[in-house]
Amino acid sequence: LRGFDAYTFFHRAGGLLFTGPTQTNVNDLVLLAVWR
């Protein structure tokens, strides 16, 4: 992790998680917070 390369670290450790295409875009996420 020294080089800020988590992909290589987890790939070598066998800990990668592949979710596949989710058909979502994080840029489309809207968060609304309401305090009462």
PDB file of N, CA and C in Angstrom:
ATOM      1  N   LEU A   1       0.817  -1.214   0.000  1.00  0.00           N
ATOM      2  CA  LEU A   1       0.000   0.000   0.000  1.00  0.00           C
ATOM      3  C   LEU A   1       0.849   1.262   0.000  1.00  0.00           C
ATOM      4  N   ARG A   2       2.140   1.086   0.039  1.00  0.00           N
ATOM      5  CA  ARG A   2       3.033   2.240   0.075  1.00  0.00           C
ATOM      6  C   ARG A   2       2.811   3.147  -1.128  1.00  0.00           C
ATOM      7  N   GLY A   3       2.553   2.566  -2.288  1.00  0.00           N
ATOM      8  CA  GLY A   3       2.357   3.363  -3.501  1.00  0.00           C
ATOM      9  C   GLY A   3       0.905   3.719  -3.759  1.00  0.00           C
ATOM     10  N   PHE A   4       0.043   3.606  -2.760  1.00  0.00           N
ATOM     11  CA  PHE A   4      -1.390   3.884  -2.906  1.00  0.00           C
ATOM     12  C   PHE A   4      -1.981   3.031  -4.026  1.00  0.00           C
ATOM     13  N   ASP A   5      -1.596   1.750  -4.056  1.00  0.00           N
ATOM     14  CA  ASP A   5      -2.041   0.826  -5.094  1.00  0.00           C
ATOM     15  C   ASP A   5      -2.748  -0.353  -4.435  1.00  0.00           C
ATOM     16  N   ALA A   6      -3.958  -0.129  -3.972  1.00  0.00           N
ATOM     17  CA  ALA A   6      -4.699  -1.164  -3.255  1.00  0.00           C
ATOM     18  C   ALA A   6      -5.080  -2.320  -4.175  1.00  0.00           C
ATOM     19  N   TYR A   7      -5.278  -2.040  -5.471  1.00  0.00           N
ATOM     20  CA  TYR A   7      -5.660  -3.106  -6.400  1.00  0.00           C
ATOM     21  C   TYR A   7      -4.608  -4.203  -6.423  1.00  0.00           C
ATOM     22  N   THR A   8      -3.339  -3.824  -6.606  1.00  0.00           N
ATOM     23  CA  THR A   8      -2.261  -4.813  -6.663  1.00  0.00           C
ATOM     24  C   THR A   8      -2.139  -5.562  -5.344  1.00  0.00           C
ATOM     25  N   PHE A   9      -2.266  -4.866  -4.235  1.00  0.00           N
ATOM     26  CA  PHE A   9      -2.179  -5.502  -2.920  1.00  0.00           C
ATOM     27  C   PHE A   9      -3.243  -6.582  -2.765  1.00  0.00           C
ATOM     28  N   PHE A  10      -4.497  -6.227  -3.026  1.00  0.00           N
ATOM     29  CA  PHE A  10      -5.580  -7.192  -2.843  1.00  0.00           C
ATOM     30  C   PHE A  10      -5.566  -8.281  -3.910  1.00  0.00           C
ATOM     31  N   HIS A  11      -5.085  -7.960  -5.117  1.00  0.00           N
ATOM     32  CA  HIS A  11      -4.968  -8.977  -6.162  1.00  0.00           C
ATOM     33  C   HIS A  11      -3.981 -10.053  -5.733  1.00  0.00           C
ATOM     34  N   ARG A  12      -2.846  -9.668  -5.207  1.00  0.00           N
ATOM     35  CA  ARG A  12      -1.838 -10.626  -4.748  1.00  0.00           C
ATOM     36  C   ARG A  12      -2.298 -11.385  -3.511  1.00  0.00           C
ATOM     37  N   ALA A  13      -3.090 -10.732  -2.659  1.00  0.00           N
ATOM     38  CA  ALA A  13      -3.565 -11.371  -1.433  1.00  0.00           C
ATOM     39  C   ALA A  13      -4.804 -12.234  -1.685  1.00  0.00           C
ATOM     40  N   GLY A  14      -5.368 -12.152  -2.884  1.00  0.00           N
ATOM     41  CA  GLY A  14      -6.570 -12.928  -3.196  1.00  0.00           C
ATOM     42  C   GLY A  14      -7.824 -12.358  -2.578  1.00  0.00           C
ATOM     43  N   GLY A  15      -7.836 -11.057  -2.325  1.00  0.00           N
ATOM     44  CA  GLY A  15      -8.979 -10.454  -1.656  1.00  0.00           C
ATOM     45  C   GLY A  15      -9.773  -9.487  -2.501  1.00  0.00           C
ATOM     46  N   LEU A  16      -9.667  -9.590  -3.829  1.00  0.00           N
ATOM     47  CA  LEU A  16     -10.435  -8.678  -4.677  1.00  0.00           C
ATOM     48  C   LEU A  16     -11.897  -9.099  -4.727  1.00  0.00           C
ATOM     49  N   LEU A  17     -12.776  -8.132  -4.778  1.00  0.00           N
ATOM     50  CA  LEU A  17     -14.210  -8.375  -4.887  1.00  0.00           C
ATOM     51  C   LEU A  17     -14.689  -7.793  -6.209  1.00  0.00           C
ATOM     52  N   PHE A  18     -15.177  -8.644  -7.095  1.00  0.00           N
ATOM     53  CA  PHE A  18     -15.694  -8.199  -8.383  1.00  0.00           C
ATOM     54  C   PHE A  18     -17.212  -8.245  -8.336  1.00  0.00           C
ATOM     55  N   THR A  19     -17.842  -7.090  -8.480  1.00  0.00           N
ATOM     56  CA  THR A  19     -19.300  -7.027  -8.432  1.00  0.00           C
ATOM     57  C   THR A  19     -19.922  -7.106  -9.815  1.00  0.00           C
ATOM     58  N   GLY A  20     -19.141  -6.874 -10.846  1.00  0.00           N
ATOM     59  CA  GLY A  20     -19.690  -6.853 -12.196  1.00  0.00           C
ATOM     60  C   GLY A  20     -20.396  -5.538 -12.461  1.00  0.00           C
ATOM     61  N   PRO A  21     -20.952  -5.382 -13.659  1.00  0.00           N
ATOM     62  CA  PRO A  21     -21.646  -4.134 -13.977  1.00  0.00           C
ATOM     63  C   PRO A  21     -22.915  -3.985 -13.142  1.00  0.00           C
ATOM     64  N   THR A  22     -23.095  -2.813 -12.564  1.00  0.00           N
ATOM     65  CA  THR A  22     -24.262  -2.572 -11.711  1.00  0.00           C
ATOM     66  C   THR A  22     -25.299  -1.689 -12.386  1.00  0.00           C
ATOM     67  N   GLN A  23     -24.936  -1.125 -13.553  1.00  0.00           N
ATOM     68  CA  GLN A  23     -25.840  -0.234 -14.289  1.00  0.00           C
ATOM     69  C   GLN A  23     -26.230   0.985 -13.467  1.00  0.00           C
ATOM     70  N   THR A  24     -25.352   1.411 -12.566  1.00  0.00           N
ATOM     71  CA  THR A  24     -25.596   2.629 -11.800  1.00  0.00           C
ATOM     72  C   THR A  24     -24.426   3.570 -11.997  1.00  0.00           C
ATOM     73  N   ASN A  25     -24.659   4.813 -11.758  1.00  0.00           N
ATOM     74  CA  ASN A  25     -23.628   5.825 -11.870  1.00  0.00           C
ATOM     75  C   ASN A  25     -23.654   6.633 -10.585  1.00  0.00           C
ATOM     76  N   VAL A  26     -22.540   6.655  -9.887  1.00  0.00           N
ATOM     77  CA  VAL A  26     -22.479   7.361  -8.609  1.00  0.00           C
ATOM     78  C   VAL A  26     -22.784   8.840  -8.802  1.00  0.00           C
ATOM     79  N   ASN A  27     -22.488   9.379  -9.961  1.00  0.00           N
ATOM     80  CA  ASN A  27     -22.778  10.791 -10.214  1.00  0.00           C
ATOM     81  C   ASN A  27     -24.276  11.068 -10.241  1.00  0.00           C
ATOM     82  N   ASP A  28     -25.080  10.033 -10.412  1.00  0.00           N
ATOM     83  CA  ASP A  28     -26.529  10.207 -10.420  1.00  0.00           C
ATOM     84  C   ASP A  28     -27.131  10.134  -9.018  1.00  0.00           C
ATOM     85  N   LEU A  29     -26.322   9.845  -8.023  1.00  0.00           N
ATOM     86  CA  LEU A  29     -26.813   9.699  -6.661  1.00  0.00           C
ATOM     87  C   LEU A  29     -27.098  11.071  -6.053  1.00  0.00           C
ATOM     88  N   VAL A  30     -28.278  11.219  -5.497  1.00  0.00           N
ATOM     89  CA  VAL A  30     -28.665  12.461  -4.841  1.00  0.00           C
ATOM     90  C   VAL A  30     -29.011  12.127  -3.403  1.00  0.00           C
ATOM     91  N   LEU A  31     -28.458  12.875  -2.472  1.00  0.00           N
ATOM     92  CA  LEU A  31     -28.694  12.637  -1.053  1.00  0.00           C
ATOM     93  C   LEU A  31     -29.448  13.826  -0.475  1.00  0.00           C
ATOM     94  N   LEU A  32     -30.539  13.531   0.199  1.00  0.00           N
ATOM     95  CA  LEU A  32     -31.347  14.571   0.816  1.00  0.00           C
ATOM     96  C   LEU A  32     -31.375  14.324   2.314  1.00  0.00           C
ATOM     97  N   ALA A  33     -30.958  15.309   3.071  1.00  0.00           N
ATOM     98  CA  ALA A  33     -30.962  15.194   4.531  1.00  0.00           C
ATOM     99  C   ALA A  33     -31.930  16.238   5.091  1.00  0.00           C
ATOM    100  N   VAL A  34     -32.798  15.795   5.983  1.00  0.00           N
ATOM    101  CA  VAL A  34     -33.778  16.693   6.585  1.00  0.00           C
ATOM    102  C   VAL A  34     -33.636  16.607   8.091  1.00  0.00           C
ATOM    103  N   TRP A  35     -33.417  17.746   8.724  1.00  0.00           N
ATOM    104  CA  TRP A  35     -33.357  17.810  10.181  1.00  0.00           C
ATOM    105  C   TRP A  35     -34.616  18.511  10.680  1.00  0.00           C
ATOM    106  N   ARG A  36     -35.196  17.959  11.705  1.00  0.00           N
ATOM    107  CA  ARG A  36     -36.405  18.571  12.274  1.00  0.00           C
ATOM    108  C   ARG A  36     -36.154  18.986  13.691  1.00  0.00           C
TER     109      ARG A  36
END
